[in-house]
Amino acid sequence: MEKQEIFDKLKAALVEDFELDAAKIVPEAKLFEDLELDGIDAVDLIVKLKAFLPHNVDQEVFKKVRTVQDVVDAIYNMLHEKPQA
């Protein structure tokens, strides 16, 4: 899955599940400041992101994300890394 496809799916989830304005969901949008997500929303988002990944979400990685692009990059990296045995 390429980054644009991840962005498109993430944007669709944010619009449908969090009722955000699609125009506000741009790569540089800050999750908490610009999109006004809170801690509970962040947990819900991680649950939604599990659908993108063949293995568990690395929650340590998501503690560092701040923007929509950070989320896209994190998912992309997780998809392209080899799961540890």
N, C-alpha and C. Protein backbone atom coordinates (compact mmCIF):
# COMPACT_ATOMS: atom_id res chain seq x y z
N MET A 1 0.86 -1.17 0.00
CA MET A 1 0.00 0.00 0.00
C MET A 1 0.91 1.24 0.00
N GLU A 2 0.60 2.15 -0.87
CA GLU A 2 1.40 3.38 -0.99
C GLU A 2 0.86 4.46 -0.04
N LYS A 3 1.67 5.48 0.19
CA LYS A 3 1.31 6.53 1.15
C LYS A 3 0.02 7.25 0.76
N GLN A 4 -0.21 7.48 -0.53
CA GLN A 4 -1.42 8.19 -0.94
C GLN A 4 -2.67 7.36 -0.59
N GLU A 5 -2.58 6.06 -0.79
CA GLU A 5 -3.71 5.18 -0.46
C GLU A 5 -3.96 5.17 1.05
N ILE A 6 -2.88 5.14 1.83
CA ILE A 6 -3.02 5.20 3.29
C ILE A 6 -3.67 6.52 3.68
N PHE A 7 -3.20 7.62 3.11
CA PHE A 7 -3.77 8.94 3.41
C PHE A 7 -5.27 8.96 3.08
N ASP A 8 -5.63 8.44 1.91
CA ASP A 8 -7.04 8.44 1.49
C ASP A 8 -7.91 7.64 2.46
N LYS A 9 -7.42 6.48 2.90
CA LYS A 9 -8.19 5.65 3.84
C LYS A 9 -8.27 6.31 5.21
N LEU A 10 -7.17 6.91 5.63
CA LEU A 10 -7.16 7.62 6.91
C LEU A 10 -8.13 8.80 6.88
N LYS A 11 -8.08 9.55 5.81
CA LYS A 11 -8.98 10.70 5.66
C LYS A 11 -10.44 10.25 5.69
N ALA A 12 -10.75 9.17 4.98
CA ALA A 12 -12.12 8.65 4.97
C ALA A 12 -12.55 8.25 6.38
N ALA A 13 -11.66 7.60 7.13
CA ALA A 13 -11.99 7.19 8.50
C ALA A 13 -12.21 8.41 9.39
N LEU A 14 -11.38 9.42 9.25
CA LEU A 14 -11.53 10.63 10.07
C LEU A 14 -12.83 11.36 9.76
N VAL A 15 -13.21 11.37 8.50
CA VAL A 15 -14.47 12.03 8.11
C VAL A 15 -15.67 11.22 8.60
N GLU A 16 -15.65 9.91 8.35
CA GLU A 16 -16.80 9.06 8.69
C GLU A 16 -16.93 8.82 10.19
N ASP A 17 -15.85 8.45 10.83
CA ASP A 17 -15.92 8.02 12.22
C ASP A 17 -15.81 9.17 13.23
N PHE A 18 -15.11 10.22 12.84
CA PHE A 18 -14.89 11.33 13.77
C PHE A 18 -15.63 12.60 13.33
N GLU A 19 -16.35 12.50 12.21
CA GLU A 19 -17.17 13.58 11.68
C GLU A 19 -16.38 14.88 11.50
N LEU A 20 -15.17 14.72 10.97
CA LEU A 20 -14.33 15.89 10.70
C LEU A 20 -14.57 16.41 9.30
N ASP A 21 -14.32 17.68 9.11
CA ASP A 21 -14.43 18.33 7.80
C ASP A 21 -13.29 17.84 6.92
N ALA A 22 -13.62 17.25 5.79
CA ALA A 22 -12.61 16.69 4.88
C ALA A 22 -11.58 17.74 4.46
N ALA A 23 -12.00 18.99 4.34
CA ALA A 23 -11.10 20.06 3.90
C ALA A 23 -9.99 20.32 4.93
N LYS A 24 -10.24 19.98 6.20
CA LYS A 24 -9.25 20.21 7.24
C LYS A 24 -8.20 19.10 7.30
N ILE A 25 -8.49 17.96 6.66
CA ILE A 25 -7.60 16.81 6.77
C ILE A 25 -6.57 16.88 5.64
N VAL A 26 -5.47 17.51 5.98
CA VAL A 26 -4.34 17.67 5.06
C VAL A 26 -3.11 17.10 5.77
N PRO A 27 -2.08 16.73 5.03
CA PRO A 27 -0.92 16.09 5.66
C PRO A 27 -0.33 16.86 6.84
N GLU A 28 -0.30 18.18 6.76
CA GLU A 28 0.33 18.96 7.83
C GLU A 28 -0.61 19.27 9.00
N ALA A 29 -1.87 18.84 8.93
CA ALA A 29 -2.82 19.09 10.01
C ALA A 29 -2.38 18.38 11.29
N LYS A 30 -2.36 19.14 12.39
CA LYS A 30 -2.01 18.57 13.69
C LYS A 30 -3.25 17.90 14.27
N LEU A 31 -3.07 16.67 14.74
CA LEU A 31 -4.20 15.87 15.20
C LEU A 31 -4.95 16.53 16.35
N PHE A 32 -4.22 17.05 17.32
CA PHE A 32 -4.88 17.58 18.51
C PHE A 32 -5.26 19.05 18.35
N GLU A 33 -4.37 19.85 17.80
CA GLU A 33 -4.64 21.28 17.69
C GLU A 33 -5.59 21.60 16.53
N ASP A 34 -5.27 21.11 15.33
CA ASP A 34 -6.06 21.47 14.15
C ASP A 34 -7.34 20.65 14.01
N LEU A 35 -7.24 19.35 14.29
CA LEU A 35 -8.41 18.48 14.11
C LEU A 35 -9.18 18.27 15.41
N GLU A 36 -8.63 18.80 16.50
CA GLU A 36 -9.29 18.78 17.80
C GLU A 36 -9.62 17.36 18.29
N LEU A 37 -8.74 16.41 17.99
CA LEU A 37 -8.90 15.08 18.55
C LEU A 37 -8.43 15.11 20.00
N ASP A 38 -9.02 14.27 20.84
CA ASP A 38 -8.57 14.19 22.23
C ASP A 38 -7.99 12.80 22.48
N GLY A 39 -7.65 12.51 23.71
CA GLY A 39 -7.02 11.24 24.06
C GLY A 39 -7.88 10.04 23.71
N ILE A 40 -9.17 10.13 23.97
CA ILE A 40 -10.08 9.03 23.64
C ILE A 40 -10.16 8.85 22.13
N ASP A 41 -10.21 9.95 21.39
CA ASP A 41 -10.21 9.87 19.93
C ASP A 41 -8.94 9.19 19.43
N ALA A 42 -7.82 9.50 20.07
CA ALA A 42 -6.54 8.91 19.66
C ALA A 42 -6.58 7.39 19.82
N VAL A 43 -7.15 6.92 20.93
CA VAL A 43 -7.28 5.48 21.15
C VAL A 43 -8.20 4.87 20.09
N ASP A 44 -9.32 5.53 19.83
CA ASP A 44 -10.26 5.05 18.80
C ASP A 44 -9.58 5.00 17.44
N LEU A 45 -8.75 5.99 17.15
CA LEU A 45 -8.04 6.03 15.87
C LEU A 45 -7.09 4.85 15.76
N ILE A 46 -6.38 4.54 16.82
CA ILE A 46 -5.46 3.39 16.79
C ILE A 46 -6.24 2.10 16.53
N VAL A 47 -7.40 1.97 17.14
CA VAL A 47 -8.24 0.78 16.89
C VAL A 47 -8.61 0.72 15.41
N LYS A 48 -8.99 1.84 14.83
CA LYS A 48 -9.33 1.88 13.40
C LYS A 48 -8.13 1.53 12.53
N LEU A 49 -6.94 1.96 12.95
CA LEU A 49 -5.75 1.73 12.15
C LEU A 49 -5.34 0.26 12.11
N LYS A 50 -5.80 -0.52 13.08
CA LYS A 50 -5.49 -1.95 13.08
C LYS A 50 -5.97 -2.62 11.79
N ALA A 51 -7.02 -2.07 11.19
CA ALA A 51 -7.55 -2.63 9.94
C ALA A 51 -6.55 -2.50 8.79
N PHE A 52 -5.63 -1.53 8.89
CA PHE A 52 -4.63 -1.32 7.85
C PHE A 52 -3.48 -2.31 7.94
N LEU A 53 -3.27 -2.87 9.13
CA LEU A 53 -2.03 -3.58 9.40
C LEU A 53 -2.24 -5.08 9.59
N PRO A 54 -1.29 -5.88 9.10
CA PRO A 54 -1.39 -7.33 9.26
C PRO A 54 -0.97 -7.81 10.65
N HIS A 55 -0.40 -6.92 11.45
CA HIS A 55 0.03 -7.27 12.80
C HIS A 55 -0.36 -6.14 13.74
N ASN A 56 -0.07 -6.30 15.00
CA ASN A 56 -0.47 -5.30 16.00
C ASN A 56 0.16 -3.94 15.75
N VAL A 57 -0.57 -2.92 16.16
CA VAL A 57 -0.10 -1.54 16.07
C VAL A 57 0.97 -1.33 17.15
N ASP A 58 2.07 -0.76 16.76
CA ASP A 58 3.14 -0.42 17.71
C ASP A 58 2.76 0.90 18.39
N GLN A 59 2.24 0.80 19.59
CA GLN A 59 1.74 1.99 20.28
C GLN A 59 2.85 2.98 20.61
N GLU A 60 4.07 2.51 20.77
CA GLU A 60 5.20 3.41 21.02
C GLU A 60 5.40 4.37 19.85
N VAL A 61 5.22 3.85 18.64
CA VAL A 61 5.36 4.69 17.44
C VAL A 61 4.29 5.78 17.45
N PHE A 62 3.08 5.42 17.84
CA PHE A 62 1.99 6.38 17.79
C PHE A 62 2.04 7.42 18.90
N LYS A 63 2.85 7.20 19.90
CA LYS A 63 3.03 8.23 20.92
C LYS A 63 3.77 9.43 20.35
N LYS A 64 4.48 9.22 19.24
CA LYS A 64 5.30 10.28 18.64
C LYS A 64 4.59 11.02 17.51
N VAL A 65 3.45 10.53 17.04
CA VAL A 65 2.80 11.18 15.91
C VAL A 65 2.10 12.45 16.36
N ARG A 66 2.18 13.45 15.51
CA ARG A 66 1.55 14.75 15.81
C ARG A 66 0.67 15.23 14.67
N THR A 67 0.98 14.81 13.44
CA THR A 67 0.24 15.28 12.27
C THR A 67 -0.36 14.10 11.50
N VAL A 68 -1.23 14.43 10.57
CA VAL A 68 -1.81 13.41 9.69
C VAL A 68 -0.69 12.70 8.93
N GLN A 69 0.30 13.46 8.45
CA GLN A 69 1.41 12.84 7.72
C GLN A 69 2.20 11.89 8.61
N ASP A 70 2.36 12.23 9.88
CA ASP A 70 3.04 11.33 10.81
C ASP A 70 2.32 9.98 10.89
N VAL A 71 1.00 10.02 10.92
CA VAL A 71 0.21 8.79 10.97
C VAL A 71 0.42 7.99 9.69
N VAL A 72 0.34 8.67 8.54
CA VAL A 72 0.55 8.00 7.25
C VAL A 72 1.94 7.35 7.22
N ASP A 73 2.95 8.09 7.62
CA ASP A 73 4.32 7.56 7.61
C ASP A 73 4.46 6.37 8.54
N ALA A 74 3.85 6.45 9.73
CA ALA A 74 3.94 5.36 10.70
C ALA A 74 3.29 4.09 10.15
N ILE A 75 2.12 4.23 9.55
CA ILE A 75 1.44 3.07 8.98
C ILE A 75 2.27 2.49 7.84
N TYR A 76 2.76 3.36 6.98
CA TYR A 76 3.58 2.91 5.85
C TYR A 76 4.80 2.13 6.34
N ASN A 77 5.48 2.68 7.33
CA ASN A 77 6.66 2.02 7.87
C ASN A 77 6.32 0.66 8.49
N MET A 78 5.21 0.61 9.22
CA MET A 78 4.80 -0.66 9.83
C MET A 78 4.43 -1.70 8.78
N LEU A 79 3.83 -1.24 7.70
CA LEU A 79 3.46 -2.16 6.63
C LEU A 79 4.68 -2.73 5.91
N HIS A 80 5.75 -1.97 5.88
CA HIS A 80 6.91 -2.38 5.11
C HIS A 80 8.05 -2.94 5.97
N GLU A 81 7.83 -3.03 7.27
CA GLU A 81 8.85 -3.66 8.11
C GLU A 81 8.50 -5.13 8.30
N LYS A 82 9.49 -5.92 8.52
CA LYS A 82 9.27 -7.34 8.75
C LYS A 82 8.90 -7.53 10.23
N PRO A 83 7.84 -8.30 10.47
CA PRO A 83 7.47 -8.56 11.87
C PRO A 83 8.59 -9.31 12.59
N GLN A 84 8.81 -8.94 13.84
CA GLN A 84 9.87 -9.60 14.59
C GLN A 84 9.37 -10.93 15.14
N ALA A 85 10.26 -11.91 15.09
CA ALA A 85 9.89 -13.26 15.54
C ALA A 85 9.99 -13.39 17.04
